[in-house]
């Protein structure tokens, strides 16, 4: 028995057809080239103007940076100059203080040396009588003469200014440099002994 196959067929509803849009007319060769050239010219012009604007902006930025750098450099230069001037003023001030202090110490040293020479002269003069008794009147006279010389030297030293003493010292060194070196060595030795005994 043969079975009969039944199939159901469905029908699609009919769709409305809309009229097809007409395509734009194709441009001919001359018209297409002209349009492309105008588009290319417009793009080139726009690119050039954007490039020029960017270039101008970069130039302006560089000029602003240069101005700012010059301003900062000028400020730093002024600060350095001001600090240099301050340092120079401080150095001059310290130099003046040092010069004043050295002058004061030299005056004090001159007074101390003058007093020491006078004291030595008085001590030699005081011992002249004892020298007369022990060694004879001739040696006592030498002691009195040395005492007077020391006291006179002390008075001369006290009366002279530091500049005069410096000039006299230079003149003495020019006249006899060997004696000056010898005296300097003896004075150095005595000063060293004084400082050692003070410890």
C-alpha atoms as a PDB file:
ATOM      1  CA  UNK A   1       0.000   0.000   0.000  1.00  0.00           C
ATOM      2  CA  UNK A   2       1.403   2.860  -1.017  1.00  0.00           C
ATOM      3  CA  UNK A   3       1.304   5.776   1.131  1.00  0.00           C
ATOM      4  CA  UNK A   4       0.792   8.994  -0.437  1.00  0.00           C
ATOM      5  CA  UNK A   5       2.958  11.745   0.713  1.00  0.00           C
ATOM      6  CA  UNK A   6       1.369  14.999   1.231  1.00  0.00           C
ATOM      7  CA  UNK A   7       3.404  18.058   1.316  1.00  0.00           C
ATOM      8  CA  UNK A   8       2.275  21.373   2.281  1.00  0.00           C
ATOM      9  CA  UNK A   9       3.417  24.185   0.225  1.00  0.00           C
ATOM     10  CA  UNK A  10       3.235  27.673   1.433  1.00  0.00           C
ATOM     11  CA  UNK A  11       3.118  30.577  -0.833  1.00  0.00           C
ATOM     12  CA  UNK A  12       4.992  33.734  -0.295  1.00  0.00           C
ATOM     13  CA  UNK A  13       2.991  36.852  -0.442  1.00  0.00           C
ATOM     14  CA  UNK A  14       3.710  38.984  -3.400  1.00  0.00           C
ATOM     15  CA  UNK A  15       6.013  41.917  -2.646  1.00  0.00           C
ATOM     16  CA  UNK A  16       5.629  45.272  -4.192  1.00  0.00           C
ATOM     17  CA  UNK A  17       8.272  46.284  -6.498  1.00  0.00           C
ATOM     18  CA  UNK A  18       9.569  49.810  -6.166  1.00  0.00           C
ATOM     19  CA  UNK A  19      10.950  51.446  -9.155  1.00  0.00           C
ATOM     20  CA  UNK A  20      14.789  51.297  -9.166  1.00  0.00           C
ATOM     21  CA  UNK A  21      16.696  54.462  -8.513  1.00  0.00           C
ATOM     22  CA  UNK A  22      18.459  55.762 -11.398  1.00  0.00           C
ATOM     23  CA  UNK A  23      22.191  55.859 -11.066  1.00  0.00           C
ATOM     24  CA  UNK A  24      23.919  59.166 -11.442  1.00  0.00           C
ATOM     25  CA  UNK A  25      24.965  59.740 -14.929  1.00  0.00           C
ATOM     26  CA  UNK A  26      28.496  58.692 -15.483  1.00  0.00           C
ATOM     27  CA  UNK A  27      30.874  61.500 -15.905  1.00  0.00           C
ATOM     28  CA  UNK A  28      32.799  61.656 -18.982  1.00  0.00           C
ATOM     29  CA  UNK A  29      36.587  61.785 -18.900  1.00  0.00           C
ATOM     30  CA  UNK A  30      36.969  65.577 -19.077  1.00  0.00           C
ATOM     31  CA  UNK A  31      34.381  66.243 -16.380  1.00  0.00           C
ATOM     32  CA  UNK A  32      35.883  63.619 -14.027  1.00  0.00           C
ATOM     33  CA  UNK A  33      39.391  65.000 -14.391  1.00  0.00           C
ATOM     34  CA  UNK A  34      38.198  68.532 -13.705  1.00  0.00           C
ATOM     35  CA  UNK A  35      36.390  67.458 -10.508  1.00  0.00           C
ATOM     36  CA  UNK A  36      39.371  65.479  -9.305  1.00  0.00           C
ATOM     37  CA  UNK A  37      41.681  68.427 -10.004  1.00  0.00           C
ATOM     38  CA  UNK A  38      39.428  70.786  -8.064  1.00  0.00           C
ATOM     39  CA  UNK A  39      39.275  68.350  -5.134  1.00  0.00           C
ATOM     40  CA  UNK A  40      43.037  67.897  -5.224  1.00  0.00           C
ATOM     41  CA  UNK A  41      43.609  71.660  -5.465  1.00  0.00           C
ATOM     42  CA  UNK A  42      41.280  72.298  -2.549  1.00  0.00           C
ATOM     43  CA  UNK A  43      43.041  69.617  -0.453  1.00  0.00           C
ATOM     44  CA  UNK A  44      46.488  70.954  -1.346  1.00  0.00           C
ATOM     45  CA  UNK A  45      45.498  74.506  -0.529  1.00  0.00           C
ATOM     46  CA  UNK A  46      44.003  73.406   2.771  1.00  0.00           C
ATOM     47  CA  UNK A  47      47.107  71.337   3.636  1.00  0.00           C
ATOM     48  CA  UNK A  48      49.361  74.270   2.763  1.00  0.00           C
ATOM     49  CA  UNK A  49      47.349  76.650   4.902  1.00  0.00           C
ATOM     50  CA  UNK A  50      47.370  74.185   7.832  1.00  0.00           C
ATOM     51  CA  UNK A  51      51.114  73.632   7.411  1.00  0.00           C
ATOM     52  CA  UNK A  52      51.756  77.394   7.288  1.00  0.00           C
ATOM     53  CA  UNK A  53      49.579  77.915  10.371  1.00  0.00           C
ATOM     54  CA  UNK A  54      51.499  75.175  12.223  1.00  0.00           C
ATOM     55  CA  UNK A  55      54.787  76.687  11.093  1.00  0.00           C
ATOM     56  CA  UNK A  56      53.761  80.138  12.309  1.00  0.00           C
ATOM     57  CA  UNK A  57      52.629  78.660  15.615  1.00  0.00           C
ATOM     58  CA  UNK A  58      55.981  76.868  16.011  1.00  0.00           C
ATOM     59  CA  UNK A  59      57.852  80.088  15.223  1.00  0.00           C
ATOM     60  CA  UNK A  60      55.785  81.970  17.793  1.00  0.00           C
ATOM     61  CA  UNK A  61      56.423  79.237  20.378  1.00  0.00           C
ATOM     62  CA  UNK A  62      60.164  79.324  19.664  1.00  0.00           C
ATOM     63  CA  UNK A  63      60.198  83.120  19.971  1.00  0.00           C
ATOM     64  CA  UNK A  64      58.325  82.888  23.287  1.00  0.00           C
ATOM     65  CA  UNK A  65      60.786  80.281  24.575  1.00  0.00           C
ATOM     66  CA  UNK A  66      63.729  82.419  23.446  1.00  0.00           C
ATOM     67  CA  UNK A  67      62.274  85.466  25.202  1.00  0.00           C
ATOM     68  CA  UNK A  68      61.668  83.463  28.376  1.00  0.00           C
ATOM     69  CA  UNK A  69      65.203  82.032  28.242  1.00  0.00           C
ATOM     70  CA  UNK A  70      66.656  85.519  27.772  1.00  0.00           C
ATOM     71  CA  UNK A  71      64.591  86.809  30.672  1.00  0.00           C
ATOM     72  CA  UNK A  72      65.703  83.991  32.949  1.00  0.00           C
ATOM     73  CA  UNK A  73      69.324  84.315  31.841  1.00  0.00           C
ATOM     74  CA  UNK A  74      69.179  88.043  32.568  1.00  0.00           C
ATOM     75  CA  UNK A  75      67.726  87.357  36.006  1.00  0.00           C
ATOM     76  CA  UNK A  76      70.415  84.776  36.751  1.00  0.00           C
ATOM     77  CA  UNK A  77      73.079  87.141  35.454  1.00  0.00           C
ATOM     78  CA  UNK A  78      71.808  89.900  37.747  1.00  0.00           C
ATOM     79  CA  UNK A  79      71.717  87.513  40.709  1.00  0.00           C
ATOM     80  CA  UNK A  80      75.268  86.374  40.022  1.00  0.00           C
ATOM     81  CA  UNK A  81      76.448  89.948  39.608  1.00  0.00           C
ATOM     82  CA  UNK A  82      74.687  90.969  42.812  1.00  0.00           C
ATOM     83  CA  UNK A  83      76.200  88.046  44.706  1.00  0.00           C
ATOM     84  CA  UNK A  84      79.616  88.810  43.242  1.00  0.00           C
ATOM     85  CA  UNK A  85      79.288  92.433  44.299  1.00  0.00           C
ATOM     86  CA  UNK A  86      78.194  91.327  47.769  1.00  0.00           C
ATOM     87  CA  UNK A  87      81.155  88.966  48.050  1.00  0.00           C
ATOM     88  CA  UNK A  88      83.540  91.675  46.887  1.00  0.00           C
ATOM     89  CA  UNK A  89      82.071  94.125  49.393  1.00  0.00           C
ATOM     90  CA  UNK A  90      82.392  91.548  52.171  1.00  0.00           C
ATOM     91  CA  UNK A  91      85.974  90.784  51.144  1.00  0.00           C
ATOM     92  CA  UNK A  92      86.842  94.485  51.156  1.00  0.00           C
ATOM     93  CA  UNK A  93      85.192  94.880  54.539  1.00  0.00           C
ATOM     94  CA  UNK A  94      87.135  91.916  55.961  1.00  0.00           C
ATOM     95  CA  UNK A  95      90.310  93.261  54.364  1.00  0.00           C
ATOM     96  CA  UNK A  96      89.778  96.622  56.012  1.00  0.00           C
ATOM     97  CA  UNK A  97      89.085  94.948  59.348  1.00  0.00           C
ATOM     98  CA  UNK A  98      92.212  92.829  58.973  1.00  0.00           C
ATOM     99  CA  UNK A  99      94.269  95.861  58.039  1.00  0.00           C
ATOM    100  CA  UNK A 100      92.936  97.803  61.011  1.00  0.00           C
ATOM    101  CA  UNK A 101      93.548  94.875  63.358  1.00  0.00           C
ATOM    102  CA  UNK A 102      97.062  94.352  61.977  1.00  0.00           C
ATOM    103  CA  UNK A 103      97.774  98.037  62.488  1.00  0.00           C
ATOM    104  CA  UNK A 104      96.504  97.839  66.058  1.00  0.00           C
ATOM    105  CA  UNK A 105      98.635  94.770  66.722  1.00  0.00           C
ATOM    106  CA  UNK A 106     101.672  96.477  65.195  1.00  0.00           C
ATOM    107  CA  UNK A 107     101.169  99.519  67.441  1.00  0.00           C
ATOM    108  CA  UNK A 108     100.796  97.243  70.467  1.00  0.00           C
ATOM    109  CA  UNK A 109     103.912  95.319  69.397  1.00  0.00           C
ATOM    110  CA  UNK A 110     105.846  98.556  68.935  1.00  0.00           C
ATOM    111  CA  UNK A 111     104.842  99.713  72.418  1.00  0.00           C
ATOM    112  CA  UNK A 112     105.746  96.341  73.935  1.00  0.00           C
ATOM    113  CA  UNK A 113     109.137  96.297  72.163  1.00  0.00           C
ATOM    114  CA  UNK A 114     109.841  99.877  73.253  1.00  0.00           C
ATOM    115  CA  UNK A 115     108.957  99.042  76.849  1.00  0.00           C
ATOM    116  CA  UNK A 116     111.085  95.885  76.746  1.00  0.00           C
ATOM    117  CA  UNK A 117     114.100  97.778  75.400  1.00  0.00           C
ATOM    118  CA  UNK A 118     113.643 100.496  78.031  1.00  0.00           C
ATOM    119  CA  UNK A 119     113.382  97.870  80.793  1.00  0.00           C
ATOM    120  CA  UNK A 120     116.546  96.146  79.557  1.00  0.00           C
ATOM    121  CA  UNK A 121     118.317  99.528  79.489  1.00  0.00           C
ATOM    122  CA  UNK A 122     117.225 100.263  83.060  1.00  0.00           C
ATOM    123  CA  UNK A 123     118.313  96.810  84.215  1.00  0.00           C
ATOM    124  CA  UNK A 124     121.731  97.266  82.596  1.00  0.00           C
ATOM    125  CA  UNK A 125     121.986 100.755  84.147  1.00  0.00           C
ATOM    126  CA  UNK A 126     121.042  99.404  87.583  1.00  0.00           C
ATOM    127  CA  UNK A 127     123.734  96.717  87.385  1.00  0.00           C
ATOM    128  CA  UNK A 128     126.430  99.202  86.278  1.00  0.00           C
ATOM    129  CA  UNK A 129     127.371  99.860  89.935  1.00  0.00           C
ATOM    130  CA  UNK A 130     127.864  96.164  90.593  1.00  0.00           C
ATOM    131  CA  UNK A 131     129.917  95.848  87.415  1.00  0.00           C
ATOM    132  CA  UNK A 132     132.114  98.750  88.652  1.00  0.00           C
ATOM    133  CA  UNK A 133     132.761  96.894  91.907  1.00  0.00           C
ATOM    134  CA  UNK A 134     133.476  93.509  90.354  1.00  0.00           C
ATOM    135  CA  UNK A 135     135.192  94.267  87.043  1.00  0.00           C
ATOM    136  CA  UNK A 136     136.263  97.846  87.235  1.00  0.00           C
ATOM    137  CA  UNK A 137     135.011 101.286  86.372  1.00  0.00           C
ATOM    138  CA  UNK A 138     135.755 100.906  82.647  1.00  0.00           C
ATOM    139  CA  UNK A 139     133.279  97.992  82.326  1.00  0.00           C
ATOM    140  CA  UNK A 140     130.734  99.889  84.379  1.00  0.00           C
ATOM    141  CA  UNK A 141     131.018 102.777  81.914  1.00  0.00           C
ATOM    142  CA  UNK A 142     130.349 100.335  79.073  1.00  0.00           C
ATOM    143  CA  UNK A 143     127.253  99.169  80.897  1.00  0.00           C
ATOM    144  CA  UNK A 144     126.039 102.759  81.491  1.00  0.00           C
ATOM    145  CA  UNK A 145     126.706 103.631  77.819  1.00  0.00           C
ATOM    146  CA  UNK A 146     124.759 100.558  76.689  1.00  0.00           C
ATOM    147  CA  UNK A 147     121.948 101.473  79.078  1.00  0.00           C
ATOM    148  CA  UNK A 148     121.710 105.019  77.663  1.00  0.00           C
ATOM    149  CA  UNK A 149     121.762 103.677  74.111  1.00  0.00           C
ATOM    150  CA  UNK A 150     118.953 101.237  74.886  1.00  0.00           C
ATOM    151  CA  UNK A 151     116.831 103.934  76.557  1.00  0.00           C
ATOM    152  CA  UNK A 152     117.392 106.316  73.623  1.00  0.00           C
ATOM    153  CA  UNK A 153     116.536 103.585  71.147  1.00  0.00           C
ATOM    154  CA  UNK A 154     113.365 102.883  73.102  1.00  0.00           C
ATOM    155  CA  UNK A 155     112.415 106.575  73.020  1.00  0.00           C
ATOM    156  CA  UNK A 156     113.117 106.782  69.254  1.00  0.00           C
ATOM    157  CA  UNK A 157     111.077 103.671  68.627  1.00  0.00           C
ATOM    158  CA  UNK A 158     108.181 105.065  70.638  1.00  0.00           C
ATOM    159  CA  UNK A 159     108.344 108.414  68.789  1.00  0.00           C
ATOM    160  CA  UNK A 160     108.333 106.946  65.264  1.00  0.00           C
ATOM    161  CA  UNK A 161     105.232 105.916  63.371  1.00  0.00           C
ATOM    162  CA  UNK A 162     104.885 102.442  61.889  1.00  0.00           C
ATOM    163  CA  UNK A 163     105.455 103.770  58.376  1.00  0.00           C
ATOM    164  CA  UNK A 164     108.737 105.394  59.448  1.00  0.00           C
ATOM    165  CA  UNK A 165     109.865 102.218  61.172  1.00  0.00           C
ATOM    166  CA  UNK A 166     109.031 100.203  58.062  1.00  0.00           C
ATOM    167  CA  UNK A 167     110.969 102.599  55.843  1.00  0.00           C
ATOM    168  CA  UNK A 168     113.973 102.560  58.220  1.00  0.00           C
ATOM    169  CA  UNK A 169     113.901  98.772  58.240  1.00  0.00           C
ATOM    170  CA  UNK A 170     113.822  98.600  54.440  1.00  0.00           C
ATOM    171  CA  UNK A 171     116.714 101.029  54.233  1.00  0.00           C
ATOM    172  CA  UNK A 172     118.762  99.042  56.760  1.00  0.00           C
ATOM    173  CA  UNK A 173     118.110  95.818  54.835  1.00  0.00           C
ATOM    174  CA  UNK A 174     119.230  97.485  51.574  1.00  0.00           C
ATOM    175  CA  UNK A 175     122.423  98.733  53.184  1.00  0.00           C
ATOM    176  CA  UNK A 176     123.421  95.432  54.783  1.00  0.00           C
ATOM    177  CA  UNK A 177     121.328  92.416  53.872  1.00  0.00           C
ATOM    178  CA  UNK A 178     123.618  89.924  55.642  1.00  0.00           C
ATOM    179  CA  UNK A 179     123.167  91.689  58.969  1.00  0.00           C
ATOM    180  CA  UNK A 180     119.408  91.809  58.419  1.00  0.00           C
ATOM    181  CA  UNK A 181     119.293  88.048  57.840  1.00  0.00           C
ATOM    182  CA  UNK A 182     121.378  87.460  60.973  1.00  0.00           C
ATOM    183  CA  UNK A 183     119.185  89.719  63.087  1.00  0.00           C
ATOM    184  CA  UNK A 184     116.055  88.044  61.720  1.00  0.00           C
ATOM    185  CA  UNK A 185     117.443  84.614  62.614  1.00  0.00           C
ATOM    186  CA  UNK A 186     118.285  85.717  66.184  1.00  0.00           C
ATOM    187  CA  UNK A 187     114.882  87.349  66.644  1.00  0.00           C
ATOM    188  CA  UNK A 188     113.154  84.254  65.270  1.00  0.00           C
ATOM    189  CA  UNK A 189     115.115  82.058  67.660  1.00  0.00           C
ATOM    190  CA  UNK A 190     114.212  84.264  70.614  1.00  0.00           C
ATOM    191  CA  UNK A 191     110.532  84.392  69.670  1.00  0.00           C
ATOM    192  CA  UNK A 192     110.475  80.599  69.305  1.00  0.00           C
ATOM    193  CA  UNK A 193     112.039  80.242  72.761  1.00  0.00           C
ATOM    194  CA  UNK A 194     109.459  82.606  74.235  1.00  0.00           C
ATOM    195  CA  UNK A 195     106.578  80.606  72.769  1.00  0.00           C
ATOM    196  CA  UNK A 196     108.069  77.275  73.925  1.00  0.00           C
ATOM    197  CA  UNK A 197     108.529  78.513  77.475  1.00  0.00           C
ATOM    198  CA  UNK A 198     104.927  79.797  77.475  1.00  0.00           C
ATOM    199  CA  UNK A 199     103.536  76.259  77.028  1.00  0.00           C
END
